[in-house]
PDB file of N, CA and C in Angstrom:
ATOM      1  N   MET A   1       6.868 -15.719  22.519  1.00  0.00           N
ATOM      2  CA  MET A   1       6.617 -14.323  21.284  1.00  0.00           C
ATOM      3  C   MET A   1       6.767 -13.186  21.186  1.00  0.00           C
ATOM      4  N   ALA A   2       7.036 -12.464  20.222  1.00  0.00           N
ATOM      5  CA  ALA A   2       7.108 -11.058  20.284  1.00  0.00           C
ATOM      6  C   ALA A   2       5.610 -10.863  19.464  1.00  0.00           C
ATOM      7  N   ASP A   3       5.116  -9.657  19.992  1.00  0.00           N
ATOM      8  CA  ASP A   3       3.936  -8.668  19.880  1.00  0.00           C
ATOM      9  C   ASP A   3       4.124  -8.325  18.202  1.00  0.00           C
ATOM     10  N   ARG A   4       3.383  -9.075  17.500  1.00  0.00           N
ATOM     11  CA  ARG A   4       3.536  -8.379  16.017  1.00  0.00           C
ATOM     12  C   ARG A   4       2.626  -7.467  15.863  1.00  0.00           C
ATOM     13  N   SER A   5       2.048  -6.703  17.063  1.00  0.00           N
ATOM     14  CA  SER A   5       1.237  -5.531  16.506  1.00  0.00           C
ATOM     15  C   SER A   5       2.265  -4.440  16.670  1.00  0.00           C
ATOM     16  N   LEU A   6       3.717  -4.541  16.774  1.00  0.00           N
ATOM     17  CA  LEU A   6       4.706  -3.440  16.922  1.00  0.00           C
ATOM     18  C   LEU A   6       5.617  -3.346  16.091  1.00  0.00           C
ATOM     19  N   LYS A   7       5.431  -4.803  14.846  1.00  0.00           N
ATOM     20  CA  LYS A   7       6.404  -4.449  13.678  1.00  0.00           C
ATOM     21  C   LYS A   7       5.141  -3.472  13.032  1.00  0.00           C
ATOM     22  N   PRO A   8       5.948  -2.443  12.275  1.00  0.00           N
ATOM     23  CA  PRO A   8       5.192  -1.423  11.148  1.00  0.00           C
ATOM     24  C   PRO A   8       5.202  -2.388  10.009  1.00  0.00           C
ATOM     25  N   HIS A   9       3.990  -2.237   9.222  1.00  0.00           N
ATOM     26  CA  HIS A   9       3.738  -2.734   7.879  1.00  0.00           C
ATOM     27  C   HIS A   9       5.244  -2.234   7.053  1.00  0.00           C
ATOM     28  N   PRO A  10       5.818  -3.397   6.172  1.00  0.00           N
ATOM     29  CA  PRO A  10       6.662  -2.868   5.487  1.00  0.00           C
ATOM     30  C   PRO A  10       6.583  -2.095   4.459  1.00  0.00           C
ATOM     31  N   HIS A  11       5.423  -1.423   3.891  1.00  0.00           N
ATOM     32  CA  HIS A  11       5.021  -0.435   2.948  1.00  0.00           C
ATOM     33  C   HIS A  11       4.850   0.781   4.394  1.00  0.00           C
ATOM     34  N   ALA A  12       4.956   1.112   5.334  1.00  0.00           N
ATOM     35  CA  ALA A  12       4.772   2.055   6.466  1.00  0.00           C
ATOM     36  C   ALA A  12       5.344   3.375   5.891  1.00  0.00           C
ATOM     37  N   ASP A  13       6.708   3.323   5.451  1.00  0.00           N
ATOM     38  CA  ASP A  13       7.309   4.413   5.207  1.00  0.00           C
ATOM     39  C   ASP A  13       7.439   4.717   3.495  1.00  0.00           C
ATOM     40  N   ALA A  14       6.426   3.927   2.787  1.00  0.00           N
ATOM     41  CA  ALA A  14       6.255   4.302   1.185  1.00  0.00           C
ATOM     42  C   ALA A  14       5.890   5.426   0.905  1.00  0.00           C
ATOM     43  N   THR A  15       6.504   5.906  -0.358  1.00  0.00           N
ATOM     44  CA  THR A  15       5.999   7.101  -0.966  1.00  0.00           C
ATOM     45  C   THR A  15       5.083   6.713  -2.221  1.00  0.00           C
ATOM     46  N   TYR A  16       4.289   7.816  -2.817  1.00  0.00           N
ATOM     47  CA  TYR A  16       3.719   7.548  -3.736  1.00  0.00           C
ATOM     48  C   TYR A  16       3.515   8.509  -4.718  1.00  0.00           C
ATOM     49  N   VAL A  17       3.715   8.192  -5.891  1.00  0.00           N
ATOM     50  CA  VAL A  17       3.357   8.943  -6.664  1.00  0.00           C
ATOM     51  C   VAL A  17       2.814   9.164  -8.026  1.00  0.00           C
ATOM     52  N   VAL A  18       1.722   9.729  -8.608  1.00  0.00           N
ATOM     53  CA  VAL A  18       0.719   9.184  -9.685  1.00  0.00           C
ATOM     54  C   VAL A  18       1.149   9.973 -10.484  1.00  0.00           C
ATOM     55  N   GLU A  19       1.206   9.188 -11.761  1.00  0.00           N
ATOM     56  CA  GLU A  19       1.873   9.338 -12.925  1.00  0.00           C
ATOM     57  C   GLU A  19       1.403   9.192 -14.258  1.00  0.00           C
ATOM     58  N   PRO A  20       1.158   9.610 -15.236  1.00  0.00           N
ATOM     59  CA  PRO A  20       0.659   9.244 -16.667  1.00  0.00           C
ATOM     60  C   PRO A  20       1.617   7.832 -17.148  1.00  0.00           C
ATOM     61  N   VAL A  21       0.961   6.830 -17.991  1.00  0.00           N
ATOM     62  CA  VAL A  21       1.512   5.757 -18.116  1.00  0.00           C
ATOM     63  C   VAL A  21       0.695   5.503 -19.393  1.00  0.00           C
ATOM     64  N   PRO A  22       1.197   4.926 -20.566  1.00  0.00           N
ATOM     65  CA  PRO A  22       0.464   4.483 -22.140  1.00  0.00           C
ATOM     66  C   PRO A  22      -1.028   4.168 -21.664  1.00  0.00           C
ATOM     67  N   GLU A  23      -1.243   3.489 -20.598  1.00  0.00           N
ATOM     68  CA  GLU A  23      -2.877   2.627 -20.252  1.00  0.00           C
ATOM     69  C   GLU A  23      -3.580   3.874 -19.969  1.00  0.00           C
ATOM     70  N   GLY A  24      -3.178   4.736 -19.037  1.00  0.00           N
ATOM     71  CA  GLY A  24      -3.845   5.644 -18.321  1.00  0.00           C
ATOM     72  C   GLY A  24      -3.068   6.245 -17.089  1.00  0.00           C
ATOM     73  N   PHE A  25      -3.068   5.999 -15.954  1.00  0.00           N
ATOM     74  CA  PHE A  25      -2.597   6.334 -14.818  1.00  0.00           C
ATOM     75  C   PHE A  25      -2.044   5.004 -14.334  1.00  0.00           C
ATOM     76  N   GLY A  26      -0.441   5.401 -13.346  1.00  0.00           N
ATOM     77  CA  GLY A  26      -0.053   4.569 -12.444  1.00  0.00           C
ATOM     78  C   GLY A  26       0.315   5.146 -11.439  1.00  0.00           C
ATOM     79  N   VAL A  27       0.331   4.416 -10.363  1.00  0.00           N
ATOM     80  CA  VAL A  27       0.973   5.070  -9.165  1.00  0.00           C
ATOM     81  C   VAL A  27       2.349   4.024  -8.873  1.00  0.00           C
ATOM     82  N   GLN A  28       3.468   4.914  -9.000  1.00  0.00           N
ATOM     83  CA  GLN A  28       4.658   4.580  -8.421  1.00  0.00           C
ATOM     84  C   GLN A  28       4.845   4.223  -6.973  1.00  0.00           C
ATOM     85  N   VAL A  29       5.156   3.266  -6.372  1.00  0.00           N
ATOM     86  CA  VAL A  29       5.291   3.036  -5.171  1.00  0.00           C
ATOM     87  C   VAL A  29       6.762   2.416  -4.624  1.00  0.00           C
ATOM     88  N   ASN A  30       7.624   3.403  -3.975  1.00  0.00           N
ATOM     89  CA  ASN A  30       8.803   3.539  -3.668  1.00  0.00           C
ATOM     90  C   ASN A  30       8.981   2.940  -1.819  1.00  0.00           C
ATOM     91  N   VAL A  31       9.273   2.189  -1.501  1.00  0.00           N
ATOM     92  CA  VAL A  31       9.713   1.280  -0.308  1.00  0.00           C
ATOM     93  C   VAL A  31      10.873   1.534  -0.131  1.00  0.00           C
ATOM     94  N   PRO A  32      11.329   1.872   1.113  1.00  0.00           N
ATOM     95  CA  PRO A  32      12.420   2.195   1.024  1.00  0.00           C
ATOM     96  C   PRO A  32      13.322   1.066   1.116  1.00  0.00           C
ATOM     97  N   GLY A  33      14.798   0.728   0.533  1.00  0.00           N
ATOM     98  CA  GLY A  33      15.075  -0.470   0.792  1.00  0.00           C
ATOM     99  C   GLY A  33      14.976  -1.457  -0.341  1.00  0.00           C
ATOM    100  N   SER A  34      14.115  -1.251  -1.323  1.00  0.00           N
ATOM    101  CA  SER A  34      13.596  -1.917  -2.569  1.00  0.00           C
ATOM    102  C   SER A  34      13.361  -1.072  -3.866  1.00  0.00           C
ATOM    103  N   TYR A  35      13.326  -2.030  -4.806  1.00  0.00           N
ATOM    104  CA  TYR A  35      13.049  -1.103  -5.985  1.00  0.00           C
ATOM    105  C   TYR A  35      11.725  -0.615  -6.044  1.00  0.00           C
ATOM    106  N   PRO A  36      11.798   0.808  -6.987  1.00  0.00           N
ATOM    107  CA  PRO A  36      10.423   1.106  -7.008  1.00  0.00           C
ATOM    108  C   PRO A  36       9.281   0.086  -7.621  1.00  0.00           C
ATOM    109  N   ALA A  37       8.018  -0.249  -7.653  1.00  0.00           N
ATOM    110  CA  ALA A  37       7.189  -0.836  -8.244  1.00  0.00           C
ATOM    111  C   ALA A  37       6.361   0.273  -8.917  1.00  0.00           C
ATOM    112  N   ILE A  38       5.620  -0.128  -9.878  1.00  0.00           N
ATOM    113  CA  ILE A  38       4.421   0.740 -10.374  1.00  0.00           C
ATOM    114  C   ILE A  38       3.061  -0.386 -10.569  1.00  0.00           C
ATOM    115  N   VAL A  39       1.848   0.308  -9.898  1.00  0.00           N
ATOM    116  CA  VAL A  39       0.763  -0.038  -9.921  1.00  0.00           C
ATOM    117  C   VAL A  39      -0.020   0.505 -11.062  1.00  0.00           C
ATOM    118  N   LYS A  40      -0.444  -0.112 -12.174  1.00  0.00           N
ATOM    119  CA  LYS A  40      -1.003   0.014 -13.360  1.00  0.00           C
ATOM    120  C   LYS A  40      -2.623  -0.007 -13.323  1.00  0.00           C
ATOM    121  N   GLY A  41      -3.253   0.663 -14.605  1.00  0.00           N
ATOM    122  CA  GLY A  41      -4.643   0.532 -14.839  1.00  0.00           C
ATOM    123  C   GLY A  41      -5.578   1.098 -14.186  1.00  0.00           C
ATOM    124  N   PHE A  42      -5.316   2.282 -13.951  1.00  0.00           N
ATOM    125  CA  PHE A  42      -6.099   3.188 -13.370  1.00  0.00           C
ATOM    126  C   PHE A  42      -6.757   4.298 -14.603  1.00  0.00           C
ATOM    127  N   ALA A  43      -7.653   4.844 -14.950  1.00  0.00           N
ATOM    128  CA  ALA A  43      -8.346   5.331 -16.157  1.00  0.00           C
ATOM    129  C   ALA A  43      -8.269   6.343 -15.892  1.00  0.00           C
ATOM    130  N   THR A  44      -8.179   7.165 -14.703  1.00  0.00           N
ATOM    131  CA  THR A  44      -8.239   8.658 -14.189  1.00  0.00           C
ATOM    132  C   THR A  44      -7.439   8.932 -13.445  1.00  0.00           C
ATOM    133  N   GLU A  45      -6.714  10.157 -13.309  1.00  0.00           N
ATOM    134  CA  GLU A  45      -5.678  10.443 -11.905  1.00  0.00           C
ATOM    135  C   GLU A  45      -6.545  10.470 -10.855  1.00  0.00           C
ATOM    136  N   ALA A  46      -7.777  10.707 -10.913  1.00  0.00           N
ATOM    137  CA  ALA A  46      -8.519  10.690  -9.275  1.00  0.00           C
ATOM    138  C   ALA A  46      -8.753   8.854  -8.710  1.00  0.00           C
ATOM    139  N   ALA A  47      -8.665   8.119  -9.824  1.00  0.00           N
ATOM    140  CA  ALA A  47      -8.779   6.745  -9.453  1.00  0.00           C
ATOM    141  C   ALA A  47      -7.477   6.839  -9.040  1.00  0.00           C
ATOM    142  N   ALA A  48      -6.502   6.652  -9.425  1.00  0.00           N
ATOM    143  CA  ALA A  48      -5.234   6.374  -8.815  1.00  0.00           C
ATOM    144  C   ALA A  48      -4.912   7.021  -7.719  1.00  0.00           C
ATOM    145  N   GLN A  49      -5.899   8.617  -7.510  1.00  0.00           N
ATOM    146  CA  GLN A  49      -5.046   8.974  -5.996  1.00  0.00           C
ATOM    147  C   GLN A  49      -5.781   8.062  -4.746  1.00  0.00           C
ATOM    148  N   ASP A  50      -6.978   7.864  -5.456  1.00  0.00           N
ATOM    149  CA  ASP A  50      -8.054   7.424  -4.400  1.00  0.00           C
ATOM    150  C   ASP A  50      -7.785   5.927  -3.899  1.00  0.00           C
ATOM    151  N   TRP A  51      -6.990   5.161  -4.977  1.00  0.00           N
ATOM    152  CA  TRP A  51      -6.194   3.776  -4.620  1.00  0.00           C
ATOM    153  C   TRP A  51      -4.999   4.225  -3.349  1.00  0.00           C
ATOM    154  N   VAL A  52      -4.325   5.256  -3.749  1.00  0.00           N
ATOM    155  CA  VAL A  52      -3.008   5.206  -3.164  1.00  0.00           C
ATOM    156  C   VAL A  52      -3.878   5.831  -1.751  1.00  0.00           C
ATOM    157  N   ILE A  53      -5.065   6.404  -1.310  1.00  0.00           N
ATOM    158  CA  ILE A  53      -5.711   6.825  -0.005  1.00  0.00           C
ATOM    159  C   ILE A  53      -6.132   5.293   0.504  1.00  0.00           C
ATOM    160  N   THR A  54      -6.707   4.646  -0.269  1.00  0.00           N
ATOM    161  CA  THR A  54      -7.221   3.189   0.165  1.00  0.00           C
ATOM    162  C   THR A  54      -5.906   2.292   0.398  1.00  0.00           C
ATOM    163  N   HIS A  55      -4.994   2.227  -0.429  1.00  0.00           N
ATOM    164  CA  HIS A  55      -3.727   1.405   0.044  1.00  0.00           C
ATOM    165  C   HIS A  55      -3.232   1.412   1.428  1.00  0.00           C
ATOM    166  N   ASN A  56      -2.715   3.314   1.549  1.00  0.00           N
ATOM    167  CA  ASN A  56      -2.413   4.190   2.665  1.00  0.00           C
ATOM    168  C   ASN A  56      -3.100   3.654   4.037  1.00  0.00           C
ATOM    169  N   ALA A  57      -4.297   3.589   3.921  1.00  0.00           N
ATOM    170  CA  ALA A  57      -5.135   3.693   5.097  1.00  0.00           C
ATOM    171  C   ALA A  57      -4.803   2.242   5.164  1.00  0.00           C
ATOM    172  N   HIS A  58      -4.694   1.242   4.540  1.00  0.00           N
ATOM    173  CA  HIS A  58      -4.880  -0.242   4.992  1.00  0.00           C
ATOM    174  C   HIS A  58      -3.535  -0.792   5.542  1.00  0.00           C
ATOM    175  N   VAL A  59      -2.399  -0.066   4.978  1.00  0.00           N
ATOM    176  CA  VAL A  59      -1.312  -0.197   5.680  1.00  0.00           C
ATOM    177  C   VAL A  59      -1.182   0.599   6.900  1.00  0.00           C
ATOM    178  N   LEU A  60      -1.623   1.516   7.311  1.00  0.00           N
ATOM    179  CA  LEU A  60      -1.468   2.201   8.702  1.00  0.00           C
ATOM    180  C   LEU A  60      -2.714   1.416   9.508  1.00  0.00           C
ATOM    181  N   ALA A  61      -3.666   0.335   9.291  1.00  0.00           N
ATOM    182  CA  ALA A  61      -4.652   0.034  10.312  1.00  0.00           C
ATOM    183  C   ALA A  61      -3.770  -0.646  11.131  1.00  0.00           C
ATOM    184  N   PRO A  62      -4.553  -1.385  11.932  1.00  0.00           N
ATOM    185  CA  PRO A  62      -3.953  -2.103  13.212  1.00  0.00           C
ATOM    186  C   PRO A  62      -3.760  -3.607  12.582  1.00  0.00           C
ATOM    187  N   PRO A  63      -3.434  -4.434  12.917  1.00  0.00           N
ATOM    188  CA  PRO A  63      -3.198  -5.867  12.004  1.00  0.00           C
ATOM    189  C   PRO A  63      -4.489  -6.334  12.851  1.00  0.00           C
ATOM    190  N   VAL A  64      -4.980  -7.567  11.576  1.00  0.00           N
ATOM    191  CA  VAL A  64      -6.115  -8.016  11.913  1.00  0.00           C
ATOM    192  C   VAL A  64      -5.816  -9.576  12.508  1.00  0.00           C
ATOM    193  N   GLN A  65      -6.304  -9.956  13.598  1.00  0.00           N
ATOM    194  CA  GLN A  65      -6.038 -11.044  14.121  1.00  0.00           C
ATOM    195  C   GLN A  65      -6.797 -12.397  13.283  1.00  0.00           C
ATOM    196  N   ARG A  66      -5.484 -13.240  12.882  1.00  0.00           N
ATOM    197  CA  ARG A  66      -6.599 -14.187  12.044  1.00  0.00           C
ATOM    198  C   ARG A  66      -5.985 -15.360  12.635  1.00  0.00           C
ATOM    199  N   GLY A  67      -6.638 -16.913  12.464  1.00  0.00           N
ATOM    200  CA  GLY A  67      -6.108 -18.152  12.760  1.00  0.00           C
ATOM    201  C   GLY A  67      -7.514 -18.982  13.730  1.00  0.00           C
ATOM    202  N   TRP A  68      -7.087 -19.867  14.071  1.00  0.00           N
ATOM    203  CA  TRP A  68      -7.698 -20.616  14.713  1.00  0.00           C
ATOM    204  C   TRP A  68      -7.986 -20.273  16.477  1.00  0.00           C
ATOM    205  N   ARG A  69      -8.846 -20.378  16.963  1.00  0.00           N
ATOM    206  CA  ARG A  69      -8.743 -19.854  18.375  1.00  0.00           C
ATOM    207  C   ARG A  69      -9.854 -21.399  18.862  1.00  0.00           C
ATOM    208  N   ARG A  70      -8.995 -21.575  20.262  1.00  0.00           N
ATOM    209  CA  ARG A  70     -10.351 -22.604  21.293  1.00  0.00           C
ATOM    210  C   ARG A  70     -11.203 -21.755  21.865  1.00  0.00           C
ATOM    211  N   ARG A  71     -12.273 -22.188  21.757  1.00  0.00           N
ATOM    212  CA  ARG A  71     -13.637 -21.424  22.323  1.00  0.00           C
ATOM    213  C   ARG A  71     -13.655 -22.768  23.760  1.00  0.00           C
TER     214      ARG A  71
END
């Protein structure tokens, strides 16, 4: 079985653009090879930028081992 930790997260090469939307602010997420997506619902530009930082940290973090283990 291949080591899954060597496979990059699908959003590892994504770019993020904070932009105003009618409801406040949104983040346009551009993943290479995919259509852009907009994450909406941020009241302030700072909140949208904080989401980008948090999301990017999650994407770049090492994978979490999950599942059943025998003891």
